[in-house]
C-alpha atoms as a PDB file:
ATOM      1  CA  UNK A   1     -10.622 -20.577 -20.470  1.00  0.00           C
ATOM      2  CA  UNK A   2     -14.166 -20.150 -19.224  1.00  0.00           C
ATOM      3  CA  UNK A   3     -16.839 -19.898 -21.876  1.00  0.00           C
ATOM      4  CA  UNK A   4     -19.427 -17.140 -21.755  1.00  0.00           C
ATOM      5  CA  UNK A   5     -17.106 -15.046 -19.536  1.00  0.00           C
ATOM      6  CA  UNK A   6     -16.905 -11.883 -21.620  1.00  0.00           C
ATOM      7  CA  UNK A   7     -19.962  -9.719 -22.323  1.00  0.00           C
ATOM      8  CA  UNK A   8     -21.462  -9.748 -25.789  1.00  0.00           C
ATOM      9  CA  UNK A   9     -23.216  -6.343 -25.704  1.00  0.00           C
ATOM     10  CA  UNK A  10     -20.363  -4.084 -26.867  1.00  0.00           C
ATOM     11  CA  UNK A  11     -21.597  -0.933 -28.580  1.00  0.00           C
ATOM     12  CA  UNK A  12     -20.285   2.517 -29.428  1.00  0.00           C
ATOM     13  CA  UNK A  13     -20.409   4.892 -26.430  1.00  0.00           C
ATOM     14  CA  UNK A  14     -19.271   8.518 -26.009  1.00  0.00           C
ATOM     15  CA  UNK A  15     -17.242   9.322 -22.882  1.00  0.00           C
ATOM     16  CA  UNK A  16     -17.079  12.957 -21.733  1.00  0.00           C
ATOM     17  CA  UNK A  17     -14.269  14.181 -19.468  1.00  0.00           C
ATOM     18  CA  UNK A  18     -15.768  16.697 -17.024  1.00  0.00           C
ATOM     19  CA  UNK A  19     -12.439  18.448 -16.386  1.00  0.00           C
ATOM     20  CA  UNK A  20     -11.892  19.714 -19.916  1.00  0.00           C
ATOM     21  CA  UNK A  21     -15.010  18.640 -21.884  1.00  0.00           C
ATOM     22  CA  UNK A  22     -13.094  16.272 -24.174  1.00  0.00           C
ATOM     23  CA  UNK A  23     -15.270  13.634 -25.878  1.00  0.00           C
ATOM     24  CA  UNK A  24     -14.185  10.081 -26.845  1.00  0.00           C
ATOM     25  CA  UNK A  25     -16.113   7.634 -28.997  1.00  0.00           C
ATOM     26  CA  UNK A  26     -15.222   4.024 -28.228  1.00  0.00           C
ATOM     27  CA  UNK A  27     -16.774   0.609 -27.711  1.00  0.00           C
ATOM     28  CA  UNK A  28     -17.999  -0.266 -24.239  1.00  0.00           C
ATOM     29  CA  UNK A  29     -20.600  -2.259 -22.325  1.00  0.00           C
ATOM     30  CA  UNK A  30     -21.274   0.447 -19.732  1.00  0.00           C
ATOM     31  CA  UNK A  31     -24.944   1.385 -19.253  1.00  0.00           C
ATOM     32  CA  UNK A  32     -26.115   4.983 -19.625  1.00  0.00           C
ATOM     33  CA  UNK A  33     -29.471   6.760 -19.770  1.00  0.00           C
ATOM     34  CA  UNK A  34     -28.036   9.936 -21.353  1.00  0.00           C
ATOM     35  CA  UNK A  35     -27.389  10.290 -25.080  1.00  0.00           C
ATOM     36  CA  UNK A  36     -25.475  12.733 -27.261  1.00  0.00           C
ATOM     37  CA  UNK A  37     -25.367  13.482 -30.982  1.00  0.00           C
ATOM     38  CA  UNK A  38     -21.866  12.732 -32.305  1.00  0.00           C
ATOM     39  CA  UNK A  39     -19.992  14.410 -35.189  1.00  0.00           C
ATOM     40  CA  UNK A  40     -21.215  11.783 -37.670  1.00  0.00           C
ATOM     41  CA  UNK A  41     -24.856  12.710 -36.972  1.00  0.00           C
ATOM     42  CA  UNK A  42     -25.660   9.530 -35.024  1.00  0.00           C
ATOM     43  CA  UNK A  43     -26.865   9.490 -31.420  1.00  0.00           C
ATOM     44  CA  UNK A  44     -24.838   7.474 -28.893  1.00  0.00           C
ATOM     45  CA  UNK A  45     -25.070   6.793 -25.134  1.00  0.00           C
ATOM     46  CA  UNK A  46     -23.128   9.372 -23.078  1.00  0.00           C
ATOM     47  CA  UNK A  47     -21.029   8.497 -20.017  1.00  0.00           C
ATOM     48  CA  UNK A  48     -19.434  11.308 -17.990  1.00  0.00           C
ATOM     49  CA  UNK A  49     -16.135  10.702 -16.191  1.00  0.00           C
ATOM     50  CA  UNK A  50     -14.249  12.940 -13.768  1.00  0.00           C
ATOM     51  CA  UNK A  51     -10.802  12.209 -15.164  1.00  0.00           C
ATOM     52  CA  UNK A  52      -9.489  10.590 -18.320  1.00  0.00           C
ATOM     53  CA  UNK A  53      -6.254  10.381 -20.269  1.00  0.00           C
ATOM     54  CA  UNK A  54      -6.983  13.888 -21.594  1.00  0.00           C
ATOM     55  CA  UNK A  55      -6.846  15.430 -18.111  1.00  0.00           C
ATOM     56  CA  UNK A  56      -4.820  12.995 -15.981  1.00  0.00           C
ATOM     57  CA  UNK A  57      -1.410  14.455 -14.989  1.00  0.00           C
ATOM     58  CA  UNK A  58       0.394  11.212 -15.871  1.00  0.00           C
ATOM     59  CA  UNK A  59      -0.732  11.413 -19.497  1.00  0.00           C
ATOM     60  CA  UNK A  60      -0.637  15.204 -19.903  1.00  0.00           C
ATOM     61  CA  UNK A  61       2.766  15.698 -18.255  1.00  0.00           C
ATOM     62  CA  UNK A  62       1.392  18.401 -15.971  1.00  0.00           C
ATOM     63  CA  UNK A  63       1.678  17.869 -12.268  1.00  0.00           C
ATOM     64  CA  UNK A  64      -1.096  19.431 -10.300  1.00  0.00           C
ATOM     65  CA  UNK A  65      -2.059  18.745  -6.743  1.00  0.00           C
ATOM     66  CA  UNK A  66      -5.704  17.807  -6.367  1.00  0.00           C
ATOM     67  CA  UNK A  67      -6.280  17.960  -2.632  1.00  0.00           C
ATOM     68  CA  UNK A  68      -9.803  19.206  -2.127  1.00  0.00           C
ATOM     69  CA  UNK A  69     -10.135  17.958   1.428  1.00  0.00           C
ATOM     70  CA  UNK A  70      -6.786  19.247   2.752  1.00  0.00           C
ATOM     71  CA  UNK A  71      -5.459  15.778   3.558  1.00  0.00           C
ATOM     72  CA  UNK A  72      -1.860  16.687   2.782  1.00  0.00           C
ATOM     73  CA  UNK A  73      -1.968  19.760   5.027  1.00  0.00           C
ATOM     74  CA  UNK A  74      -3.511  17.785   7.897  1.00  0.00           C
ATOM     75  CA  UNK A  75      -0.868  15.062   7.502  1.00  0.00           C
ATOM     76  CA  UNK A  76       1.963  17.610   7.598  1.00  0.00           C
ATOM     77  CA  UNK A  77       0.437  19.289  10.668  1.00  0.00           C
ATOM     78  CA  UNK A  78       0.228  15.930  12.471  1.00  0.00           C
ATOM     79  CA  UNK A  79       3.842  15.192  11.524  1.00  0.00           C
ATOM     80  CA  UNK A  80       5.027  18.555  12.879  1.00  0.00           C
ATOM     81  CA  UNK A  81       3.052  18.124  16.113  1.00  0.00           C
ATOM     82  CA  UNK A  82       4.498  14.636  16.628  1.00  0.00           C
ATOM     83  CA  UNK A  83       8.046  15.928  16.086  1.00  0.00           C
ATOM     84  CA  UNK A  84       7.483  18.721  18.642  1.00  0.00           C
ATOM     85  CA  UNK A  85       6.089  16.240  21.191  1.00  0.00           C
ATOM     86  CA  UNK A  86       9.067  13.969  20.625  1.00  0.00           C
ATOM     87  CA  UNK A  87      11.546  16.824  21.112  1.00  0.00           C
ATOM     88  CA  UNK A  88       9.744  17.960  24.272  1.00  0.00           C
ATOM     89  CA  UNK A  89       9.763  14.441  25.695  1.00  0.00           C
ATOM     90  CA  UNK A  90      13.463  13.970  24.929  1.00  0.00           C
ATOM     91  CA  UNK A  91      14.460  17.303  26.479  1.00  0.00           C
ATOM     92  CA  UNK A  92      12.359  16.526  29.560  1.00  0.00           C
ATOM     93  CA  UNK A  93      13.967  13.088  29.867  1.00  0.00           C
ATOM     94  CA  UNK A  94      17.471  14.613  29.666  1.00  0.00           C
ATOM     95  CA  UNK A  95      16.647  17.045  32.469  1.00  0.00           C
ATOM     96  CA  UNK A  96      15.344  14.249  34.678  1.00  0.00           C
ATOM     97  CA  UNK A  97      18.430  12.124  34.102  1.00  0.00           C
ATOM     98  CA  UNK A  98      20.764  14.997  34.951  1.00  0.00           C
ATOM     99  CA  UNK A  99      18.943  15.673  38.236  1.00  0.00           C
ATOM    100  CA  UNK A 100      19.004  12.052  39.311  1.00  0.00           C
ATOM    101  CA  UNK A 101      22.702  11.767  38.529  1.00  0.00           C
ATOM    102  CA  UNK A 102      23.437  14.931  40.516  1.00  0.00           C
ATOM    103  CA  UNK A 103      21.340  13.678  43.479  1.00  0.00           C
ATOM    104  CA  UNK A 104      23.241  10.376  43.547  1.00  0.00           C
ATOM    105  CA  UNK A 105      26.575  12.159  43.485  1.00  0.00           C
ATOM    106  CA  UNK A 106      25.504  14.456  46.385  1.00  0.00           C
ATOM    107  CA  UNK A 107      24.198  11.518  48.487  1.00  0.00           C
ATOM    108  CA  UNK A 108      27.444   9.591  48.099  1.00  0.00           C
ATOM    109  CA  UNK A 109      29.510  12.480  49.563  1.00  0.00           C
END
């Protein structure tokens, strides 16, 4: 194993989940300029996170769709439009084939 690979500056840090305001005190090397007073009266660096195990659907057992930008709706709309174009192309191709077959039959008579 490589020596001097792991950081040596582990310290206690408070992580705050912005979804439900849950606080965690744990060791980390992450840098932060903000601080917060913890339950034990000491002041620790504060790191805010958008999602943690307290709010993530995998850990909470709640499924919720987080689609702020409407990506799922746009994908479904593109899928529907492609299916309609495909159906229109196939029906047009069938009509063309029928006409050509009928023209050949009439010419051979």
